[in-house]
C-alpha atoms as a PDB file:
ATOM      1  CA  UNK A   1       0.721   3.031  24.670  1.00  0.00           C
ATOM      2  CA  UNK A   2       2.301   0.060  24.248  1.00  0.00           C
ATOM      3  CA  UNK A   3       5.460  -0.459  21.856  1.00  0.00           C
ATOM      4  CA  UNK A   4       4.787  -1.175  18.203  1.00  0.00           C
ATOM      5  CA  UNK A   5       4.430  -5.050  17.447  1.00  0.00           C
ATOM      6  CA  UNK A   6       6.441  -6.404  14.552  1.00  0.00           C
ATOM      7  CA  UNK A   7       4.334  -8.854  12.326  1.00  0.00           C
ATOM      8  CA  UNK A   8       6.588 -11.163  10.251  1.00  0.00           C
ATOM      9  CA  UNK A   9       4.738 -10.949   6.277  1.00  0.00           C
ATOM     10  CA  UNK A  10       4.235 -14.444   5.523  1.00  0.00           C
ATOM     11  CA  UNK A  11       7.071 -14.869   7.699  1.00  0.00           C
ATOM     12  CA  UNK A  12      10.726 -13.690   6.917  1.00  0.00           C
ATOM     13  CA  UNK A  13       9.579 -13.180   3.341  1.00  0.00           C
ATOM     14  CA  UNK A  14      12.897 -11.602   2.658  1.00  0.00           C
ATOM     15  CA  UNK A  15      14.903 -14.082   3.521  1.00  0.00           C
ATOM     16  CA  UNK A  16      13.000 -17.912   2.229  1.00  0.00           C
ATOM     17  CA  UNK A  17       9.942 -18.568   0.102  1.00  0.00           C
ATOM     18  CA  UNK A  18       6.757 -17.548   1.690  1.00  0.00           C
ATOM     19  CA  UNK A  19       4.827 -19.014   3.849  1.00  0.00           C
ATOM     20  CA  UNK A  20       6.752 -21.766   4.307  1.00  0.00           C
ATOM     21  CA  UNK A  21       7.451 -23.334   7.630  1.00  0.00           C
ATOM     22  CA  UNK A  22      10.925 -22.530   7.646  1.00  0.00           C
ATOM     23  CA  UNK A  23       9.889 -18.801   6.804  1.00  0.00           C
ATOM     24  CA  UNK A  24       8.052 -18.671   9.785  1.00  0.00           C
ATOM     25  CA  UNK A  25      10.416 -20.353  11.902  1.00  0.00           C
ATOM     26  CA  UNK A  26      13.246 -17.808  10.897  1.00  0.00           C
ATOM     27  CA  UNK A  27      10.638 -15.890  11.598  1.00  0.00           C
ATOM     28  CA  UNK A  28      10.010 -17.025  15.242  1.00  0.00           C
ATOM     29  CA  UNK A  29      13.944 -17.032  15.446  1.00  0.00           C
ATOM     30  CA  UNK A  30      14.024 -13.594  14.354  1.00  0.00           C
ATOM     31  CA  UNK A  31      12.034 -11.795  17.352  1.00  0.00           C
ATOM     32  CA  UNK A  32       8.979 -10.992  15.426  1.00  0.00           C
ATOM     33  CA  UNK A  33       5.831 -10.932  18.200  1.00  0.00           C
ATOM     34  CA  UNK A  34       3.347 -11.870  15.472  1.00  0.00           C
ATOM     35  CA  UNK A  35       3.515 -14.637  12.081  1.00  0.00           C
ATOM     36  CA  UNK A  36       1.005 -13.825   9.708  1.00  0.00           C
ATOM     37  CA  UNK A  37      -1.047 -16.873   7.922  1.00  0.00           C
ATOM     38  CA  UNK A  38      -3.217 -16.010   4.480  1.00  0.00           C
ATOM     39  CA  UNK A  39      -5.812 -18.869   4.897  1.00  0.00           C
ATOM     40  CA  UNK A  40      -7.348 -20.537   1.770  1.00  0.00           C
ATOM     41  CA  UNK A  41      -9.298 -23.589   1.605  1.00  0.00           C
ATOM     42  CA  UNK A  42      -8.873 -27.012  -0.747  1.00  0.00           C
ATOM     43  CA  UNK A  43     -11.407 -29.135  -2.605  1.00  0.00           C
ATOM     44  CA  UNK A  44     -11.686 -31.506   0.903  1.00  0.00           C
ATOM     45  CA  UNK A  45     -11.862 -28.478   3.298  1.00  0.00           C
ATOM     46  CA  UNK A  46      -8.555 -28.199   4.624  1.00  0.00           C
ATOM     47  CA  UNK A  47      -7.173 -25.162   5.721  1.00  0.00           C
ATOM     48  CA  UNK A  48      -3.717 -23.985   4.085  1.00  0.00           C
ATOM     49  CA  UNK A  49      -1.712 -21.395   4.299  1.00  0.00           C
ATOM     50  CA  UNK A  50      -0.900 -19.619   1.216  1.00  0.00           C
ATOM     51  CA  UNK A  51      -1.231 -15.416   0.028  1.00  0.00           C
ATOM     52  CA  UNK A  52      -3.326 -16.206  -3.222  1.00  0.00           C
ATOM     53  CA  UNK A  53      -6.502 -18.453  -4.078  1.00  0.00           C
ATOM     54  CA  UNK A  54      -4.394 -19.582  -7.155  1.00  0.00           C
ATOM     55  CA  UNK A  55      -0.966 -21.608  -6.816  1.00  0.00           C
ATOM     56  CA  UNK A  56       0.593 -20.317  -9.906  1.00  0.00           C
ATOM     57  CA  UNK A  57       3.323 -17.778  -8.960  1.00  0.00           C
ATOM     58  CA  UNK A  58       4.812 -19.872  -5.884  1.00  0.00           C
ATOM     59  CA  UNK A  59       5.005 -23.593  -7.089  1.00  0.00           C
ATOM     60  CA  UNK A  60       5.833 -26.078  -9.652  1.00  0.00           C
ATOM     61  CA  UNK A  61       2.138 -26.696 -10.543  1.00  0.00           C
ATOM     62  CA  UNK A  62       2.238 -25.891 -14.009  1.00  0.00           C
ATOM     63  CA  UNK A  63       5.174 -28.533 -14.677  1.00  0.00           C
ATOM     64  CA  UNK A  64       3.295 -31.102 -11.913  1.00  0.00           C
ATOM     65  CA  UNK A  65      -0.554 -31.086 -13.306  1.00  0.00           C
ATOM     66  CA  UNK A  66      -0.710 -28.990 -16.142  1.00  0.00           C
ATOM     67  CA  UNK A  67      -4.376 -30.790 -16.737  1.00  0.00           C
ATOM     68  CA  UNK A  68      -5.431 -28.830 -13.934  1.00  0.00           C
ATOM     69  CA  UNK A  69      -5.119 -25.192 -15.379  1.00  0.00           C
ATOM     70  CA  UNK A  70      -8.610 -23.776 -15.419  1.00  0.00           C
ATOM     71  CA  UNK A  71      -9.927 -21.119 -18.784  1.00  0.00           C
ATOM     72  CA  UNK A  72      -8.510 -18.471 -17.229  1.00  0.00           C
ATOM     73  CA  UNK A  73      -5.069 -19.816 -16.744  1.00  0.00           C
ATOM     74  CA  UNK A  74      -4.950 -20.226 -13.557  1.00  0.00           C
ATOM     75  CA  UNK A  75      -4.841 -23.038 -10.881  1.00  0.00           C
ATOM     76  CA  UNK A  76      -6.642 -23.199  -7.836  1.00  0.00           C
ATOM     77  CA  UNK A  77      -5.902 -24.070  -4.867  1.00  0.00           C
ATOM     78  CA  UNK A  78     -10.027 -25.453  -4.494  1.00  0.00           C
ATOM     79  CA  UNK A  79      -9.359 -27.411  -7.421  1.00  0.00           C
ATOM     80  CA  UNK A  80      -7.317 -29.414  -5.707  1.00  0.00           C
ATOM     81  CA  UNK A  81      -6.757 -31.851  -2.282  1.00  0.00           C
ATOM     82  CA  UNK A  82      -4.273 -31.655   0.130  1.00  0.00           C
ATOM     83  CA  UNK A  83      -2.840 -34.565  -0.758  1.00  0.00           C
ATOM     84  CA  UNK A  84      -2.159 -33.542  -3.955  1.00  0.00           C
ATOM     85  CA  UNK A  85      -0.732 -29.939  -3.150  1.00  0.00           C
ATOM     86  CA  UNK A  86       1.891 -32.159  -1.012  1.00  0.00           C
ATOM     87  CA  UNK A  87       3.371 -32.828  -4.233  1.00  0.00           C
ATOM     88  CA  UNK A  88       4.224 -29.507  -5.346  1.00  0.00           C
ATOM     89  CA  UNK A  89       7.557 -27.259  -4.264  1.00  0.00           C
ATOM     90  CA  UNK A  90       7.036 -23.914  -3.076  1.00  0.00           C
ATOM     91  CA  UNK A  91       9.540 -21.284  -4.697  1.00  0.00           C
ATOM     92  CA  UNK A  92      10.409 -17.695  -4.378  1.00  0.00           C
ATOM     93  CA  UNK A  93       7.585 -15.936  -5.666  1.00  0.00           C
ATOM     94  CA  UNK A  94       7.777 -14.762  -9.446  1.00  0.00           C
ATOM     95  CA  UNK A  95       6.551 -12.590 -11.624  1.00  0.00           C
ATOM     96  CA  UNK A  96       3.193 -13.404 -13.088  1.00  0.00           C
ATOM     97  CA  UNK A  97       4.148 -16.011 -16.489  1.00  0.00           C
ATOM     98  CA  UNK A  98       7.730 -15.728 -16.219  1.00  0.00           C
ATOM     99  CA  UNK A  99      10.456 -17.711 -14.322  1.00  0.00           C
ATOM    100  CA  UNK A 100      11.433 -14.263 -12.866  1.00  0.00           C
ATOM    101  CA  UNK A 101      11.764 -13.698  -9.175  1.00  0.00           C
ATOM    102  CA  UNK A 102       9.787 -11.167  -8.218  1.00  0.00           C
ATOM    103  CA  UNK A 103      12.664  -9.471  -5.864  1.00  0.00           C
ATOM    104  CA  UNK A 104      15.727 -10.899  -8.373  1.00  0.00           C
ATOM    105  CA  UNK A 105      18.057 -10.725  -4.983  1.00  0.00           C
ATOM    106  CA  UNK A 106      16.530 -13.083  -2.477  1.00  0.00           C
ATOM    107  CA  UNK A 107      16.116 -16.613  -2.241  1.00  0.00           C
ATOM    108  CA  UNK A 108      16.685 -18.822  -5.391  1.00  0.00           C
ATOM    109  CA  UNK A 109      14.875 -20.688  -7.484  1.00  0.00           C
ATOM    110  CA  UNK A 110      15.282 -24.206  -8.039  1.00  0.00           C
ATOM    111  CA  UNK A 111      15.368 -25.981  -4.476  1.00  0.00           C
ATOM    112  CA  UNK A 112      13.315 -28.868  -3.845  1.00  0.00           C
ATOM    113  CA  UNK A 113      11.392 -30.527  -0.589  1.00  0.00           C
ATOM    114  CA  UNK A 114       9.617 -26.608   0.292  1.00  0.00           C
ATOM    115  CA  UNK A 115       5.813 -27.779   1.089  1.00  0.00           C
ATOM    116  CA  UNK A 116       2.544 -25.927   1.405  1.00  0.00           C
ATOM    117  CA  UNK A 117       1.978 -25.969   5.165  1.00  0.00           C
ATOM    118  CA  UNK A 118      -1.878 -26.103   6.580  1.00  0.00           C
ATOM    119  CA  UNK A 119      -2.728 -24.315   9.353  1.00  0.00           C
ATOM    120  CA  UNK A 120      -3.143 -27.007  11.168  1.00  0.00           C
ATOM    121  CA  UNK A 121       0.989 -27.354  11.285  1.00  0.00           C
ATOM    122  CA  UNK A 122       1.840 -23.880  11.252  1.00  0.00           C
ATOM    123  CA  UNK A 123      -0.478 -23.171  14.794  1.00  0.00           C
ATOM    124  CA  UNK A 124       1.216 -26.569  16.152  1.00  0.00           C
ATOM    125  CA  UNK A 125       5.038 -24.823  15.441  1.00  0.00           C
ATOM    126  CA  UNK A 126       4.352 -21.751  16.835  1.00  0.00           C
ATOM    127  CA  UNK A 127       2.837 -23.558  19.994  1.00  0.00           C
ATOM    128  CA  UNK A 128       5.519 -25.715  20.201  1.00  0.00           C
ATOM    129  CA  UNK A 129       8.103 -22.842  19.910  1.00  0.00           C
ATOM    130  CA  UNK A 130       6.466 -20.998  22.493  1.00  0.00           C
ATOM    131  CA  UNK A 131       6.408 -23.589  24.850  1.00  0.00           C
ATOM    132  CA  UNK A 132      10.153 -24.505  24.274  1.00  0.00           C
ATOM    133  CA  UNK A 133      11.755 -20.763  24.210  1.00  0.00           C
ATOM    134  CA  UNK A 134       9.208 -19.345  27.179  1.00  0.00           C
ATOM    135  CA  UNK A 135       8.000 -16.362  24.382  1.00  0.00           C
ATOM    136  CA  UNK A 136       4.233 -15.704  23.407  1.00  0.00           C
ATOM    137  CA  UNK A 137       4.376 -15.198  19.929  1.00  0.00           C
ATOM    138  CA  UNK A 138       1.108 -14.259  18.199  1.00  0.00           C
ATOM    139  CA  UNK A 139      -1.228 -15.342  14.984  1.00  0.00           C
ATOM    140  CA  UNK A 140      -2.243 -12.954  12.354  1.00  0.00           C
ATOM    141  CA  UNK A 141      -4.334 -15.196   9.824  1.00  0.00           C
ATOM    142  CA  UNK A 142      -6.099 -13.457   7.299  1.00  0.00           C
ATOM    143  CA  UNK A 143      -9.255 -14.935   5.928  1.00  0.00           C
ATOM    144  CA  UNK A 144      -8.447 -14.823   2.081  1.00  0.00           C
ATOM    145  CA  UNK A 145     -11.744 -14.051  -0.259  1.00  0.00           C
ATOM    146  CA  UNK A 146     -14.778 -14.830   1.423  1.00  0.00           C
ATOM    147  CA  UNK A 147     -17.182 -14.359  -1.518  1.00  0.00           C
ATOM    148  CA  UNK A 148     -14.832 -16.271  -3.575  1.00  0.00           C
ATOM    149  CA  UNK A 149     -14.537 -19.027  -1.457  1.00  0.00           C
ATOM    150  CA  UNK A 150     -18.532 -19.115  -0.544  1.00  0.00           C
ATOM    151  CA  UNK A 151     -19.143 -19.155  -4.589  1.00  0.00           C
ATOM    152  CA  UNK A 152     -17.457 -22.653  -4.316  1.00  0.00           C
ATOM    153  CA  UNK A 153     -19.531 -23.501  -1.459  1.00  0.00           C
ATOM    154  CA  UNK A 154     -16.852 -23.024   1.030  1.00  0.00           C
ATOM    155  CA  UNK A 155     -17.474 -20.928   4.425  1.00  0.00           C
ATOM    156  CA  UNK A 156     -14.050 -20.205   5.073  1.00  0.00           C
ATOM    157  CA  UNK A 157     -14.732 -17.444   8.062  1.00  0.00           C
ATOM    158  CA  UNK A 158     -16.304 -19.848   9.953  1.00  0.00           C
ATOM    159  CA  UNK A 159     -13.987 -22.706   9.384  1.00  0.00           C
ATOM    160  CA  UNK A 160     -11.188 -20.459  10.245  1.00  0.00           C
ATOM    161  CA  UNK A 161     -12.564 -19.202  13.487  1.00  0.00           C
ATOM    162  CA  UNK A 162     -13.430 -22.890  14.335  1.00  0.00           C
ATOM    163  CA  UNK A 163      -9.598 -24.145  13.430  1.00  0.00           C
ATOM    164  CA  UNK A 164      -8.428 -21.131  15.882  1.00  0.00           C
ATOM    165  CA  UNK A 165     -11.101 -22.335  18.944  1.00  0.00           C
ATOM    166  CA  UNK A 166      -9.480 -25.682  18.520  1.00  0.00           C
ATOM    167  CA  UNK A 167      -6.376 -24.551  18.922  1.00  0.00           C
ATOM    168  CA  UNK A 168      -7.049 -22.311  22.034  1.00  0.00           C
ATOM    169  CA  UNK A 169      -7.604 -18.514  19.975  1.00  0.00           C
ATOM    170  CA  UNK A 170     -11.145 -17.715  21.696  1.00  0.00           C
ATOM    171  CA  UNK A 171     -10.518 -14.268  23.679  1.00  0.00           C
ATOM    172  CA  UNK A 172      -9.439 -10.618  22.752  1.00  0.00           C
ATOM    173  CA  UNK A 173      -6.853 -11.661  25.171  1.00  0.00           C
ATOM    174  CA  UNK A 174      -5.250 -14.300  23.168  1.00  0.00           C
ATOM    175  CA  UNK A 175      -2.194 -13.380  21.147  1.00  0.00           C
ATOM    176  CA  UNK A 176      -4.340 -13.363  17.807  1.00  0.00           C
ATOM    177  CA  UNK A 177      -5.638 -10.848  15.482  1.00  0.00           C
ATOM    178  CA  UNK A 178      -8.328 -11.965  12.498  1.00  0.00           C
ATOM    179  CA  UNK A 179      -7.643  -9.625   9.460  1.00  0.00           C
ATOM    180  CA  UNK A 180      -9.528  -9.603   6.041  1.00  0.00           C
ATOM    181  CA  UNK A 181     -10.457  -7.051   3.610  1.00  0.00           C
ATOM    182  CA  UNK A 182     -14.247  -7.675   3.214  1.00  0.00           C
ATOM    183  CA  UNK A 183     -16.055  -5.541   6.128  1.00  0.00           C
ATOM    184  CA  UNK A 184     -18.903  -7.805   5.760  1.00  0.00           C
ATOM    185  CA  UNK A 185     -17.231 -10.606   6.752  1.00  0.00           C
ATOM    186  CA  UNK A 186     -15.747  -8.897   9.429  1.00  0.00           C
ATOM    187  CA  UNK A 187     -18.577  -7.352  11.158  1.00  0.00           C
ATOM    188  CA  UNK A 188     -20.530 -10.942  10.027  1.00  0.00           C
ATOM    189  CA  UNK A 189     -17.369 -12.602  12.327  1.00  0.00           C
ATOM    190  CA  UNK A 190     -18.332 -10.486  15.386  1.00  0.00           C
ATOM    191  CA  UNK A 191     -22.379 -10.836  15.238  1.00  0.00           C
ATOM    192  CA  UNK A 192     -23.269 -14.165  13.451  1.00  0.00           C
ATOM    193  CA  UNK A 193     -20.415 -15.914  14.528  1.00  0.00           C
ATOM    194  CA  UNK A 194     -19.825 -14.634  17.746  1.00  0.00           C
ATOM    195  CA  UNK A 195     -16.227 -13.874  17.382  1.00  0.00           C
ATOM    196  CA  UNK A 196     -14.251 -12.283  20.690  1.00  0.00           C
ATOM    197  CA  UNK A 197     -11.223 -12.254  18.992  1.00  0.00           C
ATOM    198  CA  UNK A 198      -9.583  -8.793  17.741  1.00  0.00           C
ATOM    199  CA  UNK A 199     -10.858  -7.988  14.492  1.00  0.00           C
ATOM    200  CA  UNK A 200      -8.398  -6.044  12.494  1.00  0.00           C
ATOM    201  CA  UNK A 201     -10.036  -4.616   8.920  1.00  0.00           C
ATOM    202  CA  UNK A 202      -7.469  -4.507   5.933  1.00  0.00           C
ATOM    203  CA  UNK A 203      -8.118  -1.743   3.442  1.00  0.00           C
ATOM    204  CA  UNK A 204      -6.743  -1.320  -0.390  1.00  0.00           C
ATOM    205  CA  UNK A 205      -5.458   1.249  -2.385  1.00  0.00           C
ATOM    206  CA  UNK A 206      -8.633   1.640  -3.923  1.00  0.00           C
ATOM    207  CA  UNK A 207     -11.944   3.672  -3.647  1.00  0.00           C
ATOM    208  CA  UNK A 208     -13.843   1.099  -1.287  1.00  0.00           C
ATOM    209  CA  UNK A 209     -10.625   1.656   0.786  1.00  0.00           C
ATOM    210  CA  UNK A 210     -10.744   5.715   0.287  1.00  0.00           C
ATOM    211  CA  UNK A 211     -14.321   5.468   1.640  1.00  0.00           C
ATOM    212  CA  UNK A 212     -13.243   3.248   4.635  1.00  0.00           C
ATOM    213  CA  UNK A 213     -10.468   5.705   5.288  1.00  0.00           C
ATOM    214  CA  UNK A 214     -12.717   8.902   5.842  1.00  0.00           C
ATOM    215  CA  UNK A 215     -13.837   9.754  10.038  1.00  0.00           C
ATOM    216  CA  UNK A 216     -16.654   8.319   9.139  1.00  0.00           C
ATOM    217  CA  UNK A 217     -15.345   5.110   7.657  1.00  0.00           C
ATOM    218  CA  UNK A 218     -13.306   4.717  10.703  1.00  0.00           C
ATOM    219  CA  UNK A 219     -15.739   5.547  13.470  1.00  0.00           C
ATOM    220  CA  UNK A 220     -18.134   2.467  11.446  1.00  0.00           C
ATOM    221  CA  UNK A 221     -14.712   0.130  11.268  1.00  0.00           C
ATOM    222  CA  UNK A 222     -14.576   0.372  15.080  1.00  0.00           C
ATOM    223  CA  UNK A 223     -17.883  -1.079  15.819  1.00  0.00           C
ATOM    224  CA  UNK A 224     -16.794  -4.220  15.169  1.00  0.00           C
ATOM    225  CA  UNK A 225     -12.943  -3.877  14.384  1.00  0.00           C
ATOM    226  CA  UNK A 226     -10.235  -3.579  16.804  1.00  0.00           C
ATOM    227  CA  UNK A 227      -7.567  -2.450  13.962  1.00  0.00           C
ATOM    228  CA  UNK A 228      -6.474  -0.997  10.414  1.00  0.00           C
ATOM    229  CA  UNK A 229      -4.038  -2.781   8.029  1.00  0.00           C
ATOM    230  CA  UNK A 230      -3.929  -0.185   5.270  1.00  0.00           C
ATOM    231  CA  UNK A 231      -1.163   0.503   3.071  1.00  0.00           C
ATOM    232  CA  UNK A 232       1.843   2.316   4.478  1.00  0.00           C
ATOM    233  CA  UNK A 233       1.603   4.530   1.702  1.00  0.00           C
ATOM    234  CA  UNK A 234      -2.126   6.081   3.053  1.00  0.00           C
ATOM    235  CA  UNK A 235      -1.022   6.926   6.429  1.00  0.00           C
ATOM    236  CA  UNK A 236       1.409   9.917   5.227  1.00  0.00           C
ATOM    237  CA  UNK A 237       0.906  13.139   3.525  1.00  0.00           C
ATOM    238  CA  UNK A 238       1.853  12.763  -0.318  1.00  0.00           C
ATOM    239  CA  UNK A 239       5.043  14.438  -0.840  1.00  0.00           C
ATOM    240  CA  UNK A 240       5.389  16.129  -4.343  1.00  0.00           C
ATOM    241  CA  UNK A 241       8.820  16.120  -4.439  1.00  0.00           C
ATOM    242  CA  UNK A 242      10.133  12.496  -2.850  1.00  0.00           C
ATOM    243  CA  UNK A 243      13.794  12.605  -2.407  1.00  0.00           C
ATOM    244  CA  UNK A 244      15.614   9.812  -0.123  1.00  0.00           C
ATOM    245  CA  UNK A 245      15.705  11.266   3.056  1.00  0.00           C
ATOM    246  CA  UNK A 246      12.930  13.526   2.051  1.00  0.00           C
ATOM    247  CA  UNK A 247      11.563  13.533   5.815  1.00  0.00           C
ATOM    248  CA  UNK A 248       7.608  12.772   6.283  1.00  0.00           C
ATOM    249  CA  UNK A 249       4.338  13.966   8.317  1.00  0.00           C
ATOM    250  CA  UNK A 250       1.110  11.633   9.128  1.00  0.00           C
ATOM    251  CA  UNK A 251      -1.345  12.156   6.872  1.00  0.00           C
ATOM    252  CA  UNK A 252      -4.972  12.791   8.928  1.00  0.00           C
ATOM    253  CA  UNK A 253      -5.921   9.123   8.710  1.00  0.00           C
ATOM    254  CA  UNK A 254      -3.668   8.565  11.837  1.00  0.00           C
ATOM    255  CA  UNK A 255      -5.209  10.793  14.323  1.00  0.00           C
ATOM    256  CA  UNK A 256      -8.514   9.835  13.194  1.00  0.00           C
ATOM    257  CA  UNK A 257      -7.822   6.177  13.380  1.00  0.00           C
ATOM    258  CA  UNK A 258      -6.922   6.711  17.415  1.00  0.00           C
ATOM    259  CA  UNK A 259      -9.502   8.973  18.077  1.00  0.00           C
ATOM    260  CA  UNK A 260     -11.886   5.697  16.888  1.00  0.00           C
ATOM    261  CA  UNK A 261      -9.731   3.078  18.888  1.00  0.00           C
ATOM    262  CA  UNK A 262      -7.969   1.591  15.994  1.00  0.00           C
ATOM    263  CA  UNK A 263      -4.726   0.133  16.292  1.00  0.00           C
ATOM    264  CA  UNK A 264      -3.235   1.003  13.312  1.00  0.00           C
ATOM    265  CA  UNK A 265      -0.886  -2.114  11.452  1.00  0.00           C
ATOM    266  CA  UNK A 266       0.361  -0.645   8.137  1.00  0.00           C
ATOM    267  CA  UNK A 267       1.606  -2.650   5.309  1.00  0.00           C
ATOM    268  CA  UNK A 268       4.253  -3.755   4.070  1.00  0.00           C
ATOM    269  CA  UNK A 269       7.720  -2.942   4.542  1.00  0.00           C
ATOM    270  CA  UNK A 270      10.524  -4.050   2.657  1.00  0.00           C
ATOM    271  CA  UNK A 271      14.332  -3.331   1.817  1.00  0.00           C
ATOM    272  CA  UNK A 272      13.994  -3.920  -1.902  1.00  0.00           C
ATOM    273  CA  UNK A 273      11.299  -2.279  -2.414  1.00  0.00           C
ATOM    274  CA  UNK A 274      11.179   1.282  -0.562  1.00  0.00           C
ATOM    275  CA  UNK A 275       9.467   4.504  -1.522  1.00  0.00           C
ATOM    276  CA  UNK A 276      11.187   7.083  -2.921  1.00  0.00           C
ATOM    277  CA  UNK A 277      11.558   9.079   0.202  1.00  0.00           C
ATOM    278  CA  UNK A 278      13.347   6.473   2.051  1.00  0.00           C
ATOM    279  CA  UNK A 279      17.101   6.128   2.429  1.00  0.00           C
ATOM    280  CA  UNK A 280      17.280   2.422   4.031  1.00  0.00           C
ATOM    281  CA  UNK A 281      14.469   0.126   5.875  1.00  0.00           C
ATOM    282  CA  UNK A 282      15.799   1.015   9.112  1.00  0.00           C
ATOM    283  CA  UNK A 283      15.096   4.972   8.335  1.00  0.00           C
ATOM    284  CA  UNK A 284      11.307   4.748   7.404  1.00  0.00           C
ATOM    285  CA  UNK A 285      10.760   1.773   9.750  1.00  0.00           C
ATOM    286  CA  UNK A 286      12.656   4.268  12.422  1.00  0.00           C
ATOM    287  CA  UNK A 287      10.068   7.095  10.697  1.00  0.00           C
ATOM    288  CA  UNK A 288       7.202   5.134  11.252  1.00  0.00           C
ATOM    289  CA  UNK A 289       7.579   4.097  14.583  1.00  0.00           C
ATOM    290  CA  UNK A 290       8.509   7.529  15.726  1.00  0.00           C
ATOM    291  CA  UNK A 291       6.721  10.214  13.461  1.00  0.00           C
ATOM    292  CA  UNK A 292       3.803   8.578  12.595  1.00  0.00           C
ATOM    293  CA  UNK A 293       3.020   6.565  15.403  1.00  0.00           C
ATOM    294  CA  UNK A 294       2.225   3.194  14.259  1.00  0.00           C
ATOM    295  CA  UNK A 295       0.796   0.809  16.415  1.00  0.00           C
ATOM    296  CA  UNK A 296       2.668  -2.406  14.436  1.00  0.00           C
ATOM    297  CA  UNK A 297       4.186  -3.018  10.807  1.00  0.00           C
ATOM    298  CA  UNK A 298       4.115  -6.113   8.242  1.00  0.00           C
ATOM    299  CA  UNK A 299       7.542  -6.622   7.245  1.00  0.00           C
ATOM    300  CA  UNK A 300       9.275  -8.982   4.967  1.00  0.00           C
ATOM    301  CA  UNK A 301      12.448  -8.410   7.242  1.00  0.00           C
ATOM    302  CA  UNK A 302      11.581  -8.683  10.586  1.00  0.00           C
ATOM    303  CA  UNK A 303      14.427  -8.794  12.444  1.00  0.00           C
ATOM    304  CA  UNK A 304      15.056  -5.379  11.014  1.00  0.00           C
ATOM    305  CA  UNK A 305      12.020  -4.407  12.018  1.00  0.00           C
ATOM    306  CA  UNK A 306      12.516  -5.499  15.768  1.00  0.00           C
ATOM    307  CA  UNK A 307      16.041  -4.112  15.495  1.00  0.00           C
ATOM    308  CA  UNK A 308      14.933  -0.171  14.479  1.00  0.00           C
ATOM    309  CA  UNK A 309      11.677  -1.023  17.220  1.00  0.00           C
ATOM    310  CA  UNK A 310      13.702  -1.662  19.834  1.00  0.00           C
ATOM    311  CA  UNK A 311      16.671   0.754  18.625  1.00  0.00           C
ATOM    312  CA  UNK A 312      14.050   3.305  18.511  1.00  0.00           C
ATOM    313  CA  UNK A 313      12.680   2.491  22.680  1.00  0.00           C
ATOM    314  CA  UNK A 314      16.142   2.228  23.897  1.00  0.00           C
ATOM    315  CA  UNK A 315      16.526   6.370  22.125  1.00  0.00           C
ATOM    316  CA  UNK A 316      13.260   7.930  23.820  1.00  0.00           C
ATOM    317  CA  UNK A 317      14.019   6.479  27.101  1.00  0.00           C
ATOM    318  CA  UNK A 318      17.714   8.375  26.608  1.00  0.00           C
END
């Protein structure tokens, strides 16, 4: 079996504001194998890298463009041209409606000069770093809310695959995974759009997600996808009285997914958001690499994941 991959979740988001080019460059330098891009579209059809379809919690849009707030209270990316988004400063993610950071020990609020990046800019950055370092770090874009974009007249999936093709990502051998929560969109990518890239079905912690994780759901997913991106909790046996340091075991989903031919890339491993059974991020990652047997992890702290993965490999060899 190939070594598990480390996917930098929104870049090195444990250290710098998520999805900025600075966070991606740091993640590259920390040894990540893949860098994640959440992709949304602007009003003028540009693809930008942001986790949400709105700007509320990671920019200063409310101060700069208060008149652009919709009736539901959100500032949506699709209501802005790229040139307008360039005016905004990006910050550490805040709790919605407040000035408080979701993770208070991370990068401080208030720094100016961090900007929203286009997908083109990020792909060029990775290509340049691969050339200058000799590495082959891959990309891991997500089609964000394709139905929502479609209702706004934007075929986000088609635009994304066209952009990837423009940058040379065309076959299953290229270092790219395309992820989405919508199975219909991934099936469309494989059939109607004719993509040959590796696809990953993301799984939420809801009824639809539970159905996807049944043996039949996994077999159907494997008809068009190569991987499964579930929450890490969906891969472990529930622990009634969890305590730090308590051992964990794999749920049947792990064996069933591997039997279907799916790679497992669970999300999201964070030093500052540990489950009760983990005494540290290092311990948690070691268990998922060695006891659960995942094929990759999404991690906010990619250096920790790389170091733990490599230490586990050395331990197995010895």
